[in-house]
Each structure stands twice: as C-alpha cells, then as structure tokens.
C-alpha atoms as a PDB file:
ATOM      1  CA  MET A   1     -14.445  -2.897 -10.899  1.00  0.00           C
ATOM      2  CA  GLY A   2     -15.516  -1.073  -6.931  1.00  0.00           C
ATOM      3  CA  SER A   3     -14.781   1.864  -6.349  1.00  0.00           C
ATOM      4  CA  GLN A   4     -11.667   3.669  -7.024  1.00  0.00           C
ATOM      5  CA  THR A   5     -10.238   5.934  -3.986  1.00  0.00           C
ATOM      6  CA  ALA A   6      -6.815   6.273  -4.715  1.00  0.00           C
ATOM      7  CA  GLY A   7      -5.395   3.695  -6.041  1.00  0.00           C
ATOM      8  CA  ARG A   8      -7.928   2.198  -3.284  1.00  0.00           C
ATOM      9  CA  VAL A   9     -10.043  -0.801  -4.422  1.00  0.00           C
ATOM     10  CA  LEU A  10     -13.170   0.049  -2.186  1.00  0.00           C
ATOM     11  CA  ILE A  11     -15.689  -3.501  -2.088  1.00  0.00           C
ATOM     12  CA  VAL A  12     -18.928  -1.766  -1.161  1.00  0.00           C
ATOM     13  CA  GLU A  13     -20.669  -5.635  -0.998  1.00  0.00           C
ATOM     14  CA  GLY A  14     -19.349  -8.303  -0.186  1.00  0.00           C
ATOM     15  CA  THR A  15     -16.750 -10.135   1.981  1.00  0.00           C
ATOM     16  CA  ILE A  16     -13.984  -8.020   4.213  1.00  0.00           C
ATOM     17  CA  ARG A  17     -12.053  -9.935   6.696  1.00  0.00           C
ATOM     18  CA  SER A  18      -8.764  -8.785   7.939  1.00  0.00           C
ATOM     19  CA  THR A  19      -5.023 -10.806   8.881  1.00  0.00           C
ATOM     20  CA  GLU A  20      -1.343  -9.308  10.524  1.00  0.00           C
ATOM     21  CA  THR A  21       1.518 -11.706   9.832  1.00  0.00           C
ATOM     22  CA  SER A  22       5.660 -10.972  10.947  1.00  0.00           C
ATOM     23  CA  ALA A  23       6.225 -10.789   7.148  1.00  0.00           C
ATOM     24  CA  SER A  24       6.293  -7.756   5.351  1.00  0.00           C
ATOM     25  CA  PRO A  25       4.452  -5.741   2.765  1.00  0.00           C
ATOM     26  CA  GLU A  26       6.916  -7.011   0.452  1.00  0.00           C
ATOM     27  CA  VAL A  27       7.334 -10.403   1.178  1.00  0.00           C
ATOM     28  CA  VAL A  28       3.683 -11.250   1.426  1.00  0.00           C
ATOM     29  CA  PHE A  29       3.123  -8.919  -1.485  1.00  0.00           C
ATOM     30  CA  GLY A  30       5.549 -11.972  -3.718  1.00  0.00           C
ATOM     31  CA  VAL A  31       3.291 -15.057  -1.870  1.00  0.00           C
ATOM     32  CA  ALA A  32      -0.141 -13.507  -3.278  1.00  0.00           C
ATOM     33  CA  VAL A  33       1.223 -12.423  -6.547  1.00  0.00           C
ATOM     34  CA  ASP A  34       2.992 -15.880  -7.446  1.00  0.00           C
ATOM     35  CA  LEU A  35      -0.462 -17.273  -8.435  1.00  0.00           C
ATOM     36  CA  GLU A  36       1.066 -20.504  -9.106  1.00  0.00           C
ATOM     37  CA  ALA A  37       1.914 -21.373  -6.235  1.00  0.00           C
ATOM     38  CA  TYR A  38      -2.121 -20.572  -4.831  1.00  0.00           C
ATOM     39  CA  THR A  39      -2.329 -24.655  -5.178  1.00  0.00           C
ATOM     40  CA  GLU A  40       0.309 -25.698  -2.801  1.00  0.00           C
ATOM     41  CA  TRP A  41      -1.532 -23.679  -0.150  1.00  0.00           C
ATOM     42  CA  ALA A  42      -5.288 -21.513  -0.839  1.00  0.00           C
ATOM     43  CA  THR A  43      -7.948 -24.007  -0.092  1.00  0.00           C
ATOM     44  CA  GLY A  44      -9.506 -25.588  -2.950  1.00  0.00           C
ATOM     45  CA  VAL A  45      -7.544 -24.265  -5.940  1.00  0.00           C
ATOM     46  CA  ALA A  46      -6.926 -26.868  -8.322  1.00  0.00           C
ATOM     47  CA  SER A  47      -4.786 -25.821 -11.385  1.00  0.00           C
ATOM     48  CA  VAL A  48      -4.191 -21.764 -11.856  1.00  0.00           C
ATOM     49  CA  GLU A  49      -2.831 -21.545 -15.509  1.00  0.00           C
ATOM     50  CA  ILE A  50      -1.445 -17.025 -16.092  1.00  0.00           C
ATOM     51  CA  LEU A  51      -2.533 -16.467 -19.435  1.00  0.00           C
ATOM     52  CA  ASP A  52      -0.541 -13.354 -19.753  1.00  0.00           C
ATOM     53  CA  THR A  53       1.628 -11.071 -18.076  1.00  0.00           C
ATOM     54  CA  ASP A  54       2.522  -7.602 -17.273  1.00  0.00           C
ATOM     55  CA  ALA A  55       5.846  -5.173 -18.571  1.00  0.00           C
ATOM     56  CA  GLU A  56       7.055  -6.137 -14.972  1.00  0.00           C
ATOM     57  CA  GLY A  57       5.782 -10.352 -15.209  1.00  0.00           C
ATOM     58  CA  ARG A  58       3.237 -10.513 -13.006  1.00  0.00           C
ATOM     59  CA  PRO A  59      -0.123 -11.713 -14.223  1.00  0.00           C
ATOM     60  CA  SER A  60      -2.280  -9.619 -15.377  1.00  0.00           C
ATOM     61  CA  ARG A  61      -4.957 -13.078 -16.053  1.00  0.00           C
ATOM     62  CA  ALA A  62      -4.654 -15.500 -15.244  1.00  0.00           C
ATOM     63  CA  LEU A  63      -7.604 -18.822 -15.326  1.00  0.00           C
ATOM     64  CA  PHE A  64      -8.467 -20.856 -12.309  1.00  0.00           C
ATOM     65  CA  SER A  65      -9.935 -24.086 -11.790  1.00  0.00           C
ATOM     66  CA  VAL A  66     -10.815 -23.987  -7.869  1.00  0.00           C
ATOM     67  CA  ASP A  67     -13.058 -27.108  -6.132  1.00  0.00           C
ATOM     68  CA  GLY A  68     -16.795 -24.959  -4.592  1.00  0.00           C
ATOM     69  CA  PHE A  69     -18.976 -26.629  -2.672  1.00  0.00           C
ATOM     70  CA  ILE A  70     -21.029 -27.802  -5.424  1.00  0.00           C
ATOM     71  CA  LYS A  71     -18.431 -28.792  -8.210  1.00  0.00           C
ATOM     72  CA  ARG A  72     -15.927 -27.682 -10.184  1.00  0.00           C
ATOM     73  CA  ILE A  73     -16.111 -24.166 -11.269  1.00  0.00           C
ATOM     74  CA  SER A  74     -13.031 -22.620 -13.529  1.00  0.00           C
ATOM     75  CA  TYR A  75     -13.076 -18.260 -13.562  1.00  0.00           C
ATOM     76  CA  GLU A  76     -10.416 -15.748 -14.649  1.00  0.00           C
ATOM     77  CA  LEU A  77      -8.846 -12.680 -13.319  1.00  0.00           C
ATOM     78  CA  GLU A  78      -7.482  -9.804 -14.505  1.00  0.00           C
ATOM     79  CA  TYR A  79      -5.576  -7.891 -12.136  1.00  0.00           C
ATOM     80  CA  SER A  80      -4.191  -4.996 -11.821  1.00  0.00           C
ATOM     81  CA  TYR A  81      -1.429  -3.568  -9.038  1.00  0.00           C
ATOM     82  CA  ASP A  82       1.056  -0.682  -6.828  1.00  0.00           C
ATOM     83  CA  GLU A  83       3.625  -2.960  -5.627  1.00  0.00           C
ATOM     84  CA  PRO A  84       3.888  -3.620  -2.388  1.00  0.00           C
ATOM     85  CA  HIS A  85       0.250  -2.217  -1.186  1.00  0.00           C
ATOM     86  CA  LEU A  86      -2.672  -3.578  -3.601  1.00  0.00           C
ATOM     87  CA  ILE A  87      -3.141  -6.555  -5.389  1.00  0.00           C
ATOM     88  CA  ALA A  88      -6.381  -6.227  -6.847  1.00  0.00           C
ATOM     89  CA  TRP A  89      -8.593  -8.049  -9.522  1.00  0.00           C
ATOM     90  CA  SER A  90     -11.871  -8.871 -11.580  1.00  0.00           C
ATOM     91  CA  ALA A  91     -13.081 -12.109 -13.477  1.00  0.00           C
ATOM     92  CA  VAL A  92     -14.273 -12.353 -16.520  1.00  0.00           C
ATOM     93  CA  PRO A  93     -17.941 -13.572 -16.928  1.00  0.00           C
ATOM     94  CA  GLY A  94     -18.483 -17.443 -17.179  1.00  0.00           C
ATOM     95  CA  ASP A  95     -20.183 -20.284 -17.268  1.00  0.00           C
ATOM     96  CA  ASP A  96     -19.280 -20.711 -13.552  1.00  0.00           C
ATOM     97  CA  ILE A  97     -19.659 -16.882 -13.282  1.00  0.00           C
ATOM     98  CA  LYS A  98     -21.303 -13.898 -13.409  1.00  0.00           C
ATOM     99  CA  GLU A  99     -18.838 -11.531 -11.235  1.00  0.00           C
ATOM    100  CA  MET A 100     -16.154 -11.518  -9.134  1.00  0.00           C
ATOM    101  CA  GLU A 101     -14.168  -8.571  -7.130  1.00  0.00           C
ATOM    102  CA  GLY A 102     -11.206  -8.252  -5.056  1.00  0.00           C
ATOM    103  CA  SER A 103      -8.432  -7.074  -3.633  1.00  0.00           C
ATOM    104  CA  TYR A 104      -5.649  -8.088  -1.202  1.00  0.00           C
ATOM    105  CA  GLU A 105      -4.476  -4.916   0.675  1.00  0.00           C
ATOM    106  CA  PHE A 106      -0.578  -5.070   2.527  1.00  0.00           C
ATOM    107  CA  ARG A 107      -0.256  -1.806   4.845  1.00  0.00           C
ATOM    108  CA  ARG A 108       3.050  -2.550   6.967  1.00  0.00           C
ATOM    109  CA  LEU A 109       2.695  -2.449  10.617  1.00  0.00           C
ATOM    110  CA  ASP A 110       4.294   0.344  12.740  1.00  0.00           C
ATOM    111  CA  GLY A 111       6.347  -2.354  14.973  1.00  0.00           C
ATOM    112  CA  GLY A 112       6.452  -4.898  11.749  1.00  0.00           C
ATOM    113  CA  GLY A 113       4.909  -6.671   9.823  1.00  0.00           C
ATOM    114  CA  THR A 114       1.719  -6.645   7.793  1.00  0.00           C
ATOM    115  CA  ALA A 115      -1.309  -5.992   8.788  1.00  0.00           C
ATOM    116  CA  ILE A 116      -3.307  -8.503   5.185  1.00  0.00           C
ATOM    117  CA  ALA A 117      -6.392  -7.014   4.452  1.00  0.00           C
ATOM    118  CA  TYR A 118      -8.869  -9.254   1.628  1.00  0.00           C
ATOM    119  CA  ALA A 119     -11.624  -7.900  -0.266  1.00  0.00           C
ATOM    120  CA  LEU A 120     -14.213 -10.028  -2.095  1.00  0.00           C
ATOM    121  CA  ARG A 121     -17.368 -10.359  -4.341  1.00  0.00           C
ATOM    122  CA  VAL A 122     -18.957 -12.717  -5.849  1.00  0.00           C
ATOM    123  CA  ALA A 123     -21.758 -13.640  -8.244  1.00  0.00           C
ATOM    124  CA  PRO A 124     -21.910 -17.594  -9.173  1.00  0.00           C
ATOM    125  CA  ASN A 125     -23.419 -17.913 -12.654  1.00  0.00           C
ATOM    126  CA  PHE A 126     -25.399 -20.598 -11.184  1.00  0.00           C
ATOM    127  CA  SER A 127     -28.445 -20.694  -8.365  1.00  0.00           C
ATOM    128  CA  VAL A 128     -27.263 -20.112  -5.041  1.00  0.00           C
ATOM    129  CA  PRO A 129     -29.197 -18.739  -2.585  1.00  0.00           C
ATOM    130  CA  GLY A 130     -27.835 -15.231  -0.814  1.00  0.00           C
ATOM    131  CA  PHE A 131     -27.050 -16.945   2.875  1.00  0.00           C
ATOM    132  CA  LEU A 132     -24.846 -19.513   0.956  1.00  0.00           C
ATOM    133  CA  ARG A 133     -23.020 -16.832  -1.089  1.00  0.00           C
ATOM    134  CA  ARG A 134     -22.133 -15.139   1.590  1.00  0.00           C
ATOM    135  CA  GLN A 135     -21.490 -18.239   3.486  1.00  0.00           C
ATOM    136  CA  ALA A 136     -19.004 -19.563   0.944  1.00  0.00           C
ATOM    137  CA  GLU A 137     -17.293 -15.621   0.523  1.00  0.00           C
ATOM    138  CA  LYS A 138     -17.081 -15.236   4.148  1.00  0.00           C
ATOM    139  CA  GLN A 139     -15.098 -18.923   4.357  1.00  0.00           C
ATOM    140  CA  ILE A 140     -13.159 -18.599   1.444  1.00  0.00           C
ATOM    141  CA  VAL A 141     -11.042 -15.026   2.623  1.00  0.00           C
ATOM    142  CA  GLN A 142     -11.247 -16.279   6.074  1.00  0.00           C
ATOM    143  CA  ALA A 143      -9.141 -19.531   4.459  1.00  0.00           C
ATOM    144  CA  ALA A 144      -7.199 -17.880   1.967  1.00  0.00           C
ATOM    145  CA  LEU A 145      -5.926 -14.475   4.987  1.00  0.00           C
ATOM    146  CA  ARG A 146      -4.749 -18.014   7.080  1.00  0.00           C
ATOM    147  CA  GLY A 147      -3.008 -19.778   3.924  1.00  0.00           C
ATOM    148  CA  LEU A 148      -1.498 -16.795   2.515  1.00  0.00           C
ATOM    149  CA  ARG A 149      -0.189 -15.187   6.689  1.00  0.00           C
ATOM    150  CA  ARG A 150       1.449 -18.824   6.588  1.00  0.00           C
ATOM    151  CA  ARG A 151       2.524 -19.233   3.563  1.00  0.00           C
ATOM    152  CA  ALA A 152       4.809 -14.994   4.317  1.00  0.00           C
ATOM    153  CA  GLU A 153       5.557 -16.833   7.666  1.00  0.00           C
ATOM    154  CA  GLU A 154       7.273 -19.861   5.907  1.00  0.00           C
ATOM    155  CA  GLN A 155       8.731 -16.937   3.991  1.00  0.00           C
ATOM    156  CA  VAL A 156      10.515 -14.875   6.236  1.00  0.00           C
ATOM    157  CA  ASP A 157      11.729 -17.871   8.846  1.00  0.00           C
ATOM    158  CA  THR A 158      13.536 -19.337   4.967  1.00  0.00           C
ATOM    159  CA  GLU A 159      15.273 -15.639   4.309  1.00  0.00           C
END
C-alpha cells in the first residue's frame, strides 16, 4: 500500500486534504479508531462491522457499507497503526472496490491541538469516469475531515 517512509504512508495518487482541530492527537486518534461510531458522524456510512482486532484491541479488519453516489457499496478494510500519529488502511478487493488505500495522520501543533491529514485513493470495481471518481474522493475526504474534527472537538468539550 503506497510507499513507506519512516513509518509514514505516502499516497502518490488520489486526494489529500488537511484541517486543524483544538483536540489533541490522542483524542483525534481515539475518535478515528472507533470505527463502529462512524455511522454517527461520517457522512454516508450506513454500517460498520469489526471483523478482527489487533493485540491492542483496535480494529484490524472491518466491513463497511456506505451510501455511494450511484448505489450502496460494501468493502472490507485492513488497518495498521502508529498510535497516536497514523491510521492507515487498504481494501480487500471485492465486488464494489477494486483498490482503496487511505490514511489519517495526526501531528501535534506547537500551540496545542492537532493537524489532521487525510489521504484517499479509490478504484471502484464498476465504471465511473475519472473526473467523477476524483470529485467523489474529494467530497468524501472533505466530509470526513469535517466530521472527524467536529466529533473530536465534542469529545474535548465533554471532558
């Protein structure tokens, strides 16, 4: 999946966007690793089923069902972690998704808070013109960043 550089996943193609939040990397990581809660804050996520966990109890494989632009799609993701700095994933090829790789990277800001970078590349297993695929990637990434930032800041407000 992508190129590995010092524990970081670099995605050469696809969409990369970033935002900042007042929440710490640990809080943002905690929100992002809670896959089952994605249905509450991640636009379009209809269901998430954890299929397997790693030694730390974090999801290592999960099955997603998402309301896509054309139809509801399902895909299985495999996860790797560099806690609390990185969550990376890749799809198991299936009926709806040929390839998908992505990552969240969390970097502590000097004044407090976190810079969040989200990278995503998707190759569906059905015909979609390239410009529509890129537009869909951008919308998915932007909506996910907004939802993740909002959810993390809500967690800080309730502490």
